[in-house]
Amino acid sequence: MSNESAAEPRWLSDEEQYAWQCYLHASMLLEDHLDRQLQRDAGMPHVYYGLLVQLSLAPRRRKRMTELAQSAKITRSRLSHAIARMEKNGWVVREDCPSDKRGQNAHLTDEGMRVLEKAAPGHVAAVRAAIFDRLSPEQIGHLAEICRAMADGLQPKGADLPWLR
């Protein structure tokens, strides 16, 4: 047994534990708040909105299914289920990948883009009310720095995060 595995865990200090519990509570409340707002106003869960946004930002509104699952941090089976539901709504279509016969792309349709554009104002208002209207400009800067530091430490090497530039 190595010394590292036998070492006493580095427990959180009282201040760290408090910060951790505040973060967990706030992140759960925020996700629930955003999901309820999108369900009520746009008839879709937050995860679907996120997928539509990713597709809207992709070249030609298309993204390889495996890349979409990775960037959304969901399993391929959960993505497949979500895409199937969005296909039934006419928001997305699956297409064979021209460069790889085994792969598929998800393509955001014009109808999907209209749905996203209609949902976006309410979603932005919910984000603004839940986060940015409650923070000072200095706190917003700190929030960005903190989240960036966390993301930098957790993202796989070479991950493309265009919105974090």
N, C-alpha and C. Protein backbone atom coordinates (compact mmCIF):
# COMPACT_ATOMS: atom_id res chain seq x y z
N MET A 1 0.85 -1.18 0.00
CA MET A 1 0.00 0.00 0.00
C MET A 1 0.89 1.23 0.00
N SER A 2 0.60 2.20 -0.89
CA SER A 2 1.42 3.41 -0.97
C SER A 2 1.08 4.33 0.19
N ASN A 3 1.99 5.25 0.46
CA ASN A 3 1.76 6.23 1.53
C ASN A 3 0.58 7.13 1.24
N GLU A 4 0.36 7.42 -0.07
CA GLU A 4 -0.75 8.30 -0.43
C GLU A 4 -2.09 7.69 -0.07
N SER A 5 -2.27 6.39 -0.33
CA SER A 5 -3.57 5.78 -0.04
C SER A 5 -3.78 5.60 1.45
N ALA A 6 -2.70 5.53 2.22
CA ALA A 6 -2.83 5.36 3.67
C ALA A 6 -2.94 6.70 4.38
N ALA A 7 -2.67 7.78 3.69
CA ALA A 7 -2.69 9.10 4.31
C ALA A 7 -4.12 9.47 4.70
N GLU A 8 -4.19 10.27 5.72
CA GLU A 8 -5.48 10.79 6.17
C GLU A 8 -6.07 11.68 5.07
N PRO A 9 -7.36 11.55 4.80
CA PRO A 9 -7.97 12.43 3.79
C PRO A 9 -7.80 13.89 4.17
N ARG A 10 -7.69 14.74 3.19
CA ARG A 10 -7.61 16.18 3.42
C ARG A 10 -9.03 16.73 3.49
N TRP A 11 -9.63 16.70 4.68
CA TRP A 11 -11.01 17.11 4.89
C TRP A 11 -11.20 18.58 4.58
N LEU A 12 -12.40 18.95 4.26
CA LEU A 12 -12.72 20.34 4.01
C LEU A 12 -12.75 21.11 5.33
N SER A 13 -12.24 22.33 5.27
CA SER A 13 -12.32 23.20 6.45
C SER A 13 -13.79 23.61 6.61
N ASP A 14 -14.11 24.21 7.73
CA ASP A 14 -15.48 24.68 7.95
C ASP A 14 -15.89 25.67 6.86
N GLU A 15 -15.00 26.57 6.48
CA GLU A 15 -15.29 27.56 5.44
C GLU A 15 -15.48 26.87 4.08
N GLU A 16 -14.64 25.90 3.76
CA GLU A 16 -14.77 25.15 2.51
C GLU A 16 -16.06 24.33 2.49
N GLN A 17 -16.38 23.71 3.61
CA GLN A 17 -17.61 22.92 3.69
C GLN A 17 -18.83 23.81 3.49
N TYR A 18 -18.81 24.99 4.10
CA TYR A 18 -19.90 25.94 3.94
C TYR A 18 -20.03 26.35 2.47
N ALA A 19 -18.91 26.70 1.83
CA ALA A 19 -18.92 27.10 0.42
C ALA A 19 -19.42 25.96 -0.46
N TRP A 20 -18.98 24.75 -0.17
CA TRP A 20 -19.40 23.57 -0.95
C TRP A 20 -20.90 23.35 -0.83
N GLN A 21 -21.44 23.42 0.38
CA GLN A 21 -22.87 23.22 0.58
C GLN A 21 -23.68 24.34 -0.07
N CYS A 22 -23.19 25.57 0.00
CA CYS A 22 -23.86 26.68 -0.68
C CYS A 22 -23.89 26.45 -2.19
N TYR A 23 -22.75 26.03 -2.74
CA TYR A 23 -22.68 25.76 -4.19
C TYR A 23 -23.65 24.66 -4.58
N LEU A 24 -23.65 23.54 -3.85
CA LEU A 24 -24.55 22.42 -4.18
C LEU A 24 -26.00 22.86 -4.14
N HIS A 25 -26.37 23.55 -3.08
CA HIS A 25 -27.76 23.98 -2.93
C HIS A 25 -28.16 24.94 -4.05
N ALA A 26 -27.31 25.93 -4.32
CA ALA A 26 -27.61 26.91 -5.37
C ALA A 26 -27.68 26.25 -6.74
N SER A 27 -26.77 25.34 -7.04
CA SER A 27 -26.77 24.72 -8.37
C SER A 27 -28.00 23.83 -8.56
N MET A 28 -28.42 23.12 -7.52
CA MET A 28 -29.64 22.30 -7.63
C MET A 28 -30.88 23.19 -7.80
N LEU A 29 -30.97 24.26 -7.01
CA LEU A 29 -32.10 25.18 -7.13
C LEU A 29 -32.13 25.83 -8.51
N LEU A 30 -30.97 26.24 -9.02
CA LEU A 30 -30.91 26.89 -10.32
C LEU A 30 -31.34 25.94 -11.43
N GLU A 31 -30.82 24.73 -11.43
CA GLU A 31 -31.19 23.76 -12.47
C GLU A 31 -32.70 23.49 -12.42
N ASP A 32 -33.25 23.33 -11.23
CA ASP A 32 -34.69 23.10 -11.10
C ASP A 32 -35.48 24.31 -11.60
N HIS A 33 -35.04 25.50 -11.24
CA HIS A 33 -35.71 26.73 -11.65
C HIS A 33 -35.73 26.86 -13.18
N LEU A 34 -34.58 26.65 -13.81
CA LEU A 34 -34.48 26.78 -15.27
C LEU A 34 -35.28 25.69 -15.98
N ASP A 35 -35.24 24.49 -15.44
CA ASP A 35 -35.99 23.40 -16.05
C ASP A 35 -37.49 23.67 -15.98
N ARG A 36 -37.98 24.12 -14.82
CA ARG A 36 -39.41 24.43 -14.68
C ARG A 36 -39.83 25.57 -15.61
N GLN A 37 -38.98 26.61 -15.72
CA GLN A 37 -39.31 27.74 -16.60
C GLN A 37 -39.42 27.28 -18.05
N LEU A 38 -38.46 26.48 -18.51
CA LEU A 38 -38.49 26.03 -19.90
C LEU A 38 -39.64 25.05 -20.15
N GLN A 39 -39.93 24.20 -19.20
CA GLN A 39 -41.07 23.28 -19.35
C GLN A 39 -42.37 24.08 -19.46
N ARG A 40 -42.53 25.07 -18.58
CA ARG A 40 -43.76 25.87 -18.55
C ARG A 40 -43.89 26.74 -19.81
N ASP A 41 -42.83 27.42 -20.19
CA ASP A 41 -42.91 28.42 -21.26
C ASP A 41 -42.62 27.88 -22.65
N ALA A 42 -41.82 26.80 -22.75
CA ALA A 42 -41.41 26.32 -24.07
C ALA A 42 -41.71 24.84 -24.29
N GLY A 43 -42.22 24.16 -23.27
CA GLY A 43 -42.57 22.75 -23.42
C GLY A 43 -41.38 21.84 -23.62
N MET A 44 -40.24 22.21 -23.05
CA MET A 44 -39.05 21.37 -23.18
C MET A 44 -38.22 21.42 -21.91
N PRO A 45 -37.51 20.34 -21.62
CA PRO A 45 -36.61 20.37 -20.46
C PRO A 45 -35.35 21.18 -20.78
N HIS A 46 -34.67 21.59 -19.75
CA HIS A 46 -33.46 22.39 -19.88
C HIS A 46 -32.42 21.69 -20.76
N VAL A 47 -32.30 20.38 -20.64
CA VAL A 47 -31.30 19.66 -21.43
C VAL A 47 -31.60 19.79 -22.93
N TYR A 48 -32.86 19.77 -23.33
CA TYR A 48 -33.21 19.94 -24.74
C TYR A 48 -32.82 21.34 -25.22
N TYR A 49 -33.09 22.33 -24.40
CA TYR A 49 -32.72 23.70 -24.74
C TYR A 49 -31.22 23.78 -24.98
N GLY A 50 -30.44 23.19 -24.09
CA GLY A 50 -28.98 23.19 -24.23
C GLY A 50 -28.52 22.52 -25.52
N LEU A 51 -29.17 21.43 -25.89
CA LEU A 51 -28.83 20.74 -27.13
C LEU A 51 -29.16 21.61 -28.34
N LEU A 52 -30.32 22.26 -28.31
CA LEU A 52 -30.70 23.15 -29.41
C LEU A 52 -29.71 24.31 -29.54
N VAL A 53 -29.27 24.86 -28.41
CA VAL A 53 -28.29 25.94 -28.44
C VAL A 53 -26.99 25.45 -29.07
N GLN A 54 -26.52 24.28 -28.64
CA GLN A 54 -25.27 23.76 -29.21
C GLN A 54 -25.38 23.58 -30.72
N LEU A 55 -26.50 23.04 -31.17
CA LEU A 55 -26.69 22.84 -32.60
C LEU A 55 -26.77 24.18 -33.33
N SER A 56 -27.39 25.18 -32.71
CA SER A 56 -27.52 26.49 -33.36
C SER A 56 -26.16 27.15 -33.54
N LEU A 57 -25.21 26.83 -32.68
CA LEU A 57 -23.88 27.42 -32.74
C LEU A 57 -22.92 26.64 -33.63
N ALA A 58 -23.29 25.43 -33.99
CA ALA A 58 -22.41 24.56 -34.79
C ALA A 58 -22.43 24.99 -36.26
N PRO A 59 -21.34 24.74 -36.97
CA PRO A 59 -21.32 25.05 -38.40
C PRO A 59 -22.48 24.34 -39.12
N ARG A 60 -23.21 25.11 -39.92
CA ARG A 60 -24.37 24.60 -40.67
C ARG A 60 -25.42 23.96 -39.76
N ARG A 61 -25.40 24.35 -38.46
CA ARG A 61 -26.37 23.85 -37.45
C ARG A 61 -26.35 22.32 -37.36
N ARG A 62 -25.16 21.72 -37.54
CA ARG A 62 -25.00 20.26 -37.49
C ARG A 62 -23.87 19.93 -36.54
N LYS A 63 -24.06 18.82 -35.83
CA LYS A 63 -22.99 18.34 -34.95
C LYS A 63 -23.06 16.83 -34.89
N ARG A 64 -21.93 16.22 -34.86
CA ARG A 64 -21.86 14.77 -34.75
C ARG A 64 -22.46 14.34 -33.42
N MET A 65 -23.23 13.29 -33.45
CA MET A 65 -23.95 12.84 -32.24
C MET A 65 -22.99 12.56 -31.08
N THR A 66 -21.87 11.90 -31.35
CA THR A 66 -20.93 11.59 -30.27
C THR A 66 -20.36 12.87 -29.66
N GLU A 67 -20.07 13.86 -30.49
CA GLU A 67 -19.55 15.13 -29.99
C GLU A 67 -20.61 15.88 -29.19
N LEU A 68 -21.84 15.80 -29.66
CA LEU A 68 -22.96 16.46 -28.96
C LEU A 68 -23.15 15.84 -27.57
N ALA A 69 -23.10 14.53 -27.48
CA ALA A 69 -23.22 13.86 -26.18
C ALA A 69 -22.08 14.25 -25.25
N GLN A 70 -20.87 14.29 -25.79
CA GLN A 70 -19.70 14.65 -24.96
C GLN A 70 -19.81 16.08 -24.46
N SER A 71 -20.14 17.01 -25.35
CA SER A 71 -20.18 18.41 -24.94
C SER A 71 -21.36 18.70 -24.01
N ALA A 72 -22.45 17.95 -24.15
CA ALA A 72 -23.61 18.13 -23.27
C ALA A 72 -23.45 17.37 -21.95
N LYS A 73 -22.41 16.54 -21.87
CA LYS A 73 -22.15 15.73 -20.67
C LYS A 73 -23.33 14.81 -20.35
N ILE A 74 -23.87 14.17 -21.41
CA ILE A 74 -24.91 13.18 -21.22
C ILE A 74 -24.51 11.91 -21.95
N THR A 75 -25.12 10.80 -21.57
CA THR A 75 -24.80 9.53 -22.21
C THR A 75 -25.35 9.51 -23.63
N ARG A 76 -24.77 8.65 -24.44
CA ARG A 76 -25.25 8.54 -25.82
C ARG A 76 -26.69 8.06 -25.86
N SER A 77 -27.07 7.18 -24.93
CA SER A 77 -28.45 6.69 -24.93
C SER A 77 -29.42 7.81 -24.53
N ARG A 78 -29.05 8.65 -23.57
CA ARG A 78 -29.91 9.78 -23.19
C ARG A 78 -30.00 10.77 -24.35
N LEU A 79 -28.87 11.00 -25.04
CA LEU A 79 -28.91 11.89 -26.20
C LEU A 79 -29.80 11.31 -27.29
N SER A 80 -29.68 10.02 -27.55
CA SER A 80 -30.49 9.38 -28.59
C SER A 80 -31.97 9.53 -28.28
N HIS A 81 -32.34 9.36 -27.02
CA HIS A 81 -33.73 9.54 -26.61
C HIS A 81 -34.17 10.99 -26.82
N ALA A 82 -33.33 11.94 -26.41
CA ALA A 82 -33.67 13.35 -26.56
C ALA A 82 -33.81 13.72 -28.03
N ILE A 83 -32.89 13.26 -28.86
CA ILE A 83 -32.95 13.58 -30.29
C ILE A 83 -34.19 12.96 -30.91
N ALA A 84 -34.54 11.74 -30.50
CA ALA A 84 -35.76 11.11 -31.02
C ALA A 84 -36.99 11.94 -30.68
N ARG A 85 -37.07 12.44 -29.47
CA ARG A 85 -38.21 13.29 -29.07
C ARG A 85 -38.23 14.59 -29.87
N MET A 86 -37.04 15.17 -30.05
CA MET A 86 -36.98 16.43 -30.79
C MET A 86 -37.23 16.22 -32.28
N GLU A 87 -36.89 15.04 -32.79
CA GLU A 87 -37.23 14.70 -34.18
C GLU A 87 -38.74 14.64 -34.36
N LYS A 88 -39.44 14.03 -33.39
CA LYS A 88 -40.90 13.95 -33.47
C LYS A 88 -41.53 15.33 -33.48
N ASN A 89 -40.88 16.29 -32.81
CA ASN A 89 -41.38 17.66 -32.78
C ASN A 89 -40.99 18.45 -34.03
N GLY A 90 -40.12 17.87 -34.85
CA GLY A 90 -39.66 18.56 -36.05
C GLY A 90 -38.54 19.54 -35.81
N TRP A 91 -37.90 19.48 -34.65
CA TRP A 91 -36.85 20.42 -34.30
C TRP A 91 -35.48 20.00 -34.81
N VAL A 92 -35.28 18.69 -34.95
CA VAL A 92 -33.97 18.13 -35.29
C VAL A 92 -34.19 16.97 -36.25
N VAL A 93 -33.23 16.74 -37.13
CA VAL A 93 -33.22 15.52 -37.94
C VAL A 93 -31.84 14.89 -37.80
N ARG A 94 -31.83 13.59 -37.87
CA ARG A 94 -30.55 12.85 -37.90
C ARG A 94 -30.16 12.65 -39.35
N GLU A 95 -28.87 12.77 -39.60
CA GLU A 95 -28.33 12.56 -40.94
C GLU A 95 -27.09 11.68 -40.84
N ASP A 96 -26.88 10.88 -41.86
CA ASP A 96 -25.65 10.11 -41.90
C ASP A 96 -24.47 11.07 -42.03
N CYS A 97 -23.40 10.74 -41.38
CA CYS A 97 -22.19 11.56 -41.44
C CYS A 97 -21.46 11.26 -42.75
N PRO A 98 -21.24 12.26 -43.60
CA PRO A 98 -20.61 12.00 -44.89
C PRO A 98 -19.18 11.49 -44.79
N SER A 99 -18.46 11.87 -43.72
CA SER A 99 -17.06 11.45 -43.59
C SER A 99 -16.89 10.11 -42.89
N ASP A 100 -17.95 9.62 -42.24
CA ASP A 100 -17.87 8.35 -41.51
C ASP A 100 -19.23 7.67 -41.61
N LYS A 101 -19.29 6.60 -42.36
CA LYS A 101 -20.57 5.92 -42.63
C LYS A 101 -21.23 5.38 -41.36
N ARG A 102 -20.45 5.18 -40.29
CA ARG A 102 -21.03 4.67 -39.05
C ARG A 102 -21.60 5.78 -38.18
N GLY A 103 -21.17 7.02 -38.41
CA GLY A 103 -21.58 8.13 -37.56
C GLY A 103 -22.84 8.81 -38.06
N GLN A 104 -23.45 9.56 -37.16
CA GLN A 104 -24.62 10.37 -37.50
C GLN A 104 -24.44 11.78 -36.98
N ASN A 105 -25.02 12.71 -37.70
CA ASN A 105 -25.07 14.11 -37.27
C ASN A 105 -26.49 14.43 -36.83
N ALA A 106 -26.59 15.33 -35.88
CA ALA A 106 -27.88 15.94 -35.54
C ALA A 106 -27.90 17.28 -36.25
N HIS A 107 -29.00 17.59 -36.90
CA HIS A 107 -29.14 18.84 -37.65
C HIS A 107 -30.34 19.60 -37.11
N LEU A 108 -30.11 20.84 -36.70
CA LEU A 108 -31.18 21.70 -36.21
C LEU A 108 -31.98 22.21 -37.41
N THR A 109 -33.27 21.91 -37.42
CA THR A 109 -34.13 22.33 -38.53
C THR A 109 -34.52 23.80 -38.37
N ASP A 110 -35.12 24.35 -39.42
CA ASP A 110 -35.63 25.72 -39.33
C ASP A 110 -36.68 25.84 -38.23
N GLU A 111 -37.53 24.82 -38.11
CA GLU A 111 -38.54 24.81 -37.04
C GLU A 111 -37.87 24.78 -35.67
N GLY A 112 -36.81 23.98 -35.52
CA GLY A 112 -36.08 23.93 -34.26
C GLY A 112 -35.45 25.27 -33.92
N MET A 113 -34.95 25.95 -34.94
CA MET A 113 -34.36 27.28 -34.73
C MET A 113 -35.43 28.26 -34.30
N ARG A 114 -36.62 28.19 -34.89
CA ARG A 114 -37.73 29.07 -34.49
C ARG A 114 -38.12 28.81 -33.03
N VAL A 115 -38.20 27.54 -32.66
CA VAL A 115 -38.55 27.18 -31.28
C VAL A 115 -37.49 27.73 -30.31
N LEU A 116 -36.23 27.58 -30.67
CA LEU A 116 -35.14 28.08 -29.83
C LEU A 116 -35.22 29.61 -29.71
N GLU A 117 -35.42 30.28 -30.82
CA GLU A 117 -35.52 31.75 -30.80
C GLU A 117 -36.72 32.22 -29.97
N LYS A 118 -37.79 31.46 -29.99
CA LYS A 118 -38.97 31.81 -29.18
C LYS A 118 -38.72 31.56 -27.69
N ALA A 119 -37.98 30.48 -27.37
CA ALA A 119 -37.72 30.12 -25.97
C ALA A 119 -36.63 30.99 -25.34
N ALA A 120 -35.71 31.50 -26.15
CA ALA A 120 -34.53 32.19 -25.62
C ALA A 120 -34.85 33.40 -24.74
N PRO A 121 -35.75 34.29 -25.12
CA PRO A 121 -35.99 35.45 -24.25
C PRO A 121 -36.44 35.09 -22.83
N GLY A 122 -37.35 34.14 -22.71
CA GLY A 122 -37.80 33.72 -21.38
C GLY A 122 -36.70 33.05 -20.59
N HIS A 123 -35.89 32.26 -21.28
CA HIS A 123 -34.77 31.59 -20.60
C HIS A 123 -33.75 32.62 -20.11
N VAL A 124 -33.41 33.57 -20.96
CA VAL A 124 -32.45 34.61 -20.57
C VAL A 124 -33.00 35.42 -19.40
N ALA A 125 -34.28 35.73 -19.43
CA ALA A 125 -34.90 36.46 -18.32
C ALA A 125 -34.81 35.66 -17.02
N ALA A 126 -35.02 34.34 -17.11
CA ALA A 126 -34.93 33.49 -15.92
C ALA A 126 -33.50 33.43 -15.39
N VAL A 127 -32.53 33.33 -16.28
CA VAL A 127 -31.11 33.33 -15.87
C VAL A 127 -30.76 34.67 -15.24
N ARG A 128 -31.17 35.74 -15.89
CA ARG A 128 -30.87 37.08 -15.36
C ARG A 128 -31.47 37.26 -13.96
N ALA A 129 -32.74 36.90 -13.80
CA ALA A 129 -33.40 37.08 -12.49
C ALA A 129 -32.78 36.19 -11.42
N ALA A 130 -32.39 34.98 -11.81
CA ALA A 130 -31.85 34.03 -10.82
C ALA A 130 -30.41 34.33 -10.45
N ILE A 131 -29.64 34.91 -11.35
CA ILE A 131 -28.21 35.10 -11.09
C ILE A 131 -27.79 36.57 -11.16
N PHE A 132 -27.81 37.14 -12.36
CA PHE A 132 -27.13 38.40 -12.60
C PHE A 132 -27.79 39.61 -11.95
N ASP A 133 -29.10 39.59 -11.80
CA ASP A 133 -29.76 40.71 -11.12
C ASP A 133 -29.49 40.69 -9.62
N ARG A 134 -28.97 39.60 -9.11
CA ARG A 134 -28.70 39.47 -7.67
C ARG A 134 -27.24 39.78 -7.31
N LEU A 135 -26.41 39.96 -8.34
CA LEU A 135 -24.98 40.14 -8.11
C LEU A 135 -24.52 41.53 -8.54
N SER A 136 -23.49 42.01 -7.88
CA SER A 136 -22.85 43.26 -8.29
C SER A 136 -21.93 42.95 -9.48
N PRO A 137 -21.53 43.97 -10.23
CA PRO A 137 -20.58 43.72 -11.32
C PRO A 137 -19.30 43.03 -10.84
N GLU A 138 -18.83 43.40 -9.66
CA GLU A 138 -17.63 42.76 -9.10
C GLU A 138 -17.89 41.27 -8.82
N GLN A 139 -19.05 40.96 -8.27
CA GLN A 139 -19.39 39.56 -8.00
C GLN A 139 -19.52 38.76 -9.30
N ILE A 140 -20.05 39.38 -10.35
CA ILE A 140 -20.17 38.70 -11.64
C ILE A 140 -18.77 38.35 -12.15
N GLY A 141 -17.84 39.29 -12.04
CA GLY A 141 -16.45 39.01 -12.43
C GLY A 141 -15.86 37.87 -11.63
N HIS A 142 -16.10 37.87 -10.31
CA HIS A 142 -15.60 36.79 -9.46
C HIS A 142 -16.23 35.45 -9.85
N LEU A 143 -17.54 35.48 -10.11
CA LEU A 143 -18.23 34.25 -10.52
C LEU A 143 -17.60 33.69 -11.78
N ALA A 144 -17.35 34.56 -12.76
CA ALA A 144 -16.72 34.11 -14.01
C ALA A 144 -15.34 33.53 -13.75
N GLU A 145 -14.53 34.19 -12.92
CA GLU A 145 -13.18 33.69 -12.60
C GLU A 145 -13.24 32.34 -11.91
N ILE A 146 -14.14 32.20 -10.96
CA ILE A 146 -14.27 30.96 -10.21
C ILE A 146 -14.72 29.82 -11.13
N CYS A 147 -15.74 30.08 -11.92
CA CYS A 147 -16.24 29.03 -12.81
C CYS A 147 -15.20 28.66 -13.85
N ARG A 148 -14.47 29.64 -14.37
CA ARG A 148 -13.42 29.36 -15.35
C ARG A 148 -12.32 28.49 -14.73
N ALA A 149 -11.91 28.81 -13.51
CA ALA A 149 -10.88 28.02 -12.83
C ALA A 149 -11.36 26.58 -12.62
N MET A 150 -12.61 26.43 -12.24
CA MET A 150 -13.16 25.08 -12.05
C MET A 150 -13.19 24.34 -13.38
N ALA A 151 -13.70 24.99 -14.43
CA ALA A 151 -13.80 24.35 -15.75
C ALA A 151 -12.41 23.99 -16.28
N ASP A 152 -11.45 24.89 -16.12
CA ASP A 152 -10.09 24.61 -16.59
C ASP A 152 -9.52 23.36 -15.92
N GLY A 153 -9.82 23.17 -14.65
CA GLY A 153 -9.30 22.01 -13.93
C GLY A 153 -10.04 20.72 -14.23
N LEU A 154 -11.26 20.82 -14.72
CA LEU A 154 -12.08 19.62 -14.94
C LEU A 154 -12.20 19.20 -16.40
N GLN A 155 -12.02 20.13 -17.34
CA GLN A 155 -12.18 19.80 -18.76
C GLN A 155 -11.04 18.92 -19.22
N PRO A 156 -11.35 17.96 -20.09
CA PRO A 156 -10.28 17.16 -20.69
C PRO A 156 -9.34 18.08 -21.48
N LYS A 157 -8.07 17.70 -21.52
CA LYS A 157 -7.09 18.48 -22.26
C LYS A 157 -7.53 18.64 -23.70
N GLY A 158 -7.42 19.84 -24.24
CA GLY A 158 -7.74 20.09 -25.63
C GLY A 158 -9.22 20.26 -25.92
N ALA A 159 -10.07 20.26 -24.90
CA ALA A 159 -11.51 20.44 -25.13
C ALA A 159 -11.75 21.84 -25.67
N ASP A 160 -12.60 21.92 -26.69
CA ASP A 160 -12.91 23.20 -27.29
C ASP A 160 -14.12 23.80 -26.58
N LEU A 161 -13.89 24.91 -25.91
CA LEU A 161 -14.96 25.62 -25.21
C LEU A 161 -15.01 27.05 -25.74
N PRO A 162 -15.63 27.26 -26.91
CA PRO A 162 -15.57 28.58 -27.54
C PRO A 162 -16.15 29.69 -26.69
N TRP A 163 -17.12 29.42 -25.84
CA TRP A 163 -17.75 30.47 -25.04
C TRP A 163 -16.89 30.84 -23.84
N LEU A 164 -15.78 30.09 -23.59
CA LEU A 164 -14.92 30.41 -22.46
C LEU A 164 -13.62 31.08 -22.90
N ARG A 165 -13.64 31.76 -24.02
CA ARG A 165 -12.42 32.43 -24.50
C ARG A 165 -12.36 33.84 -24.00
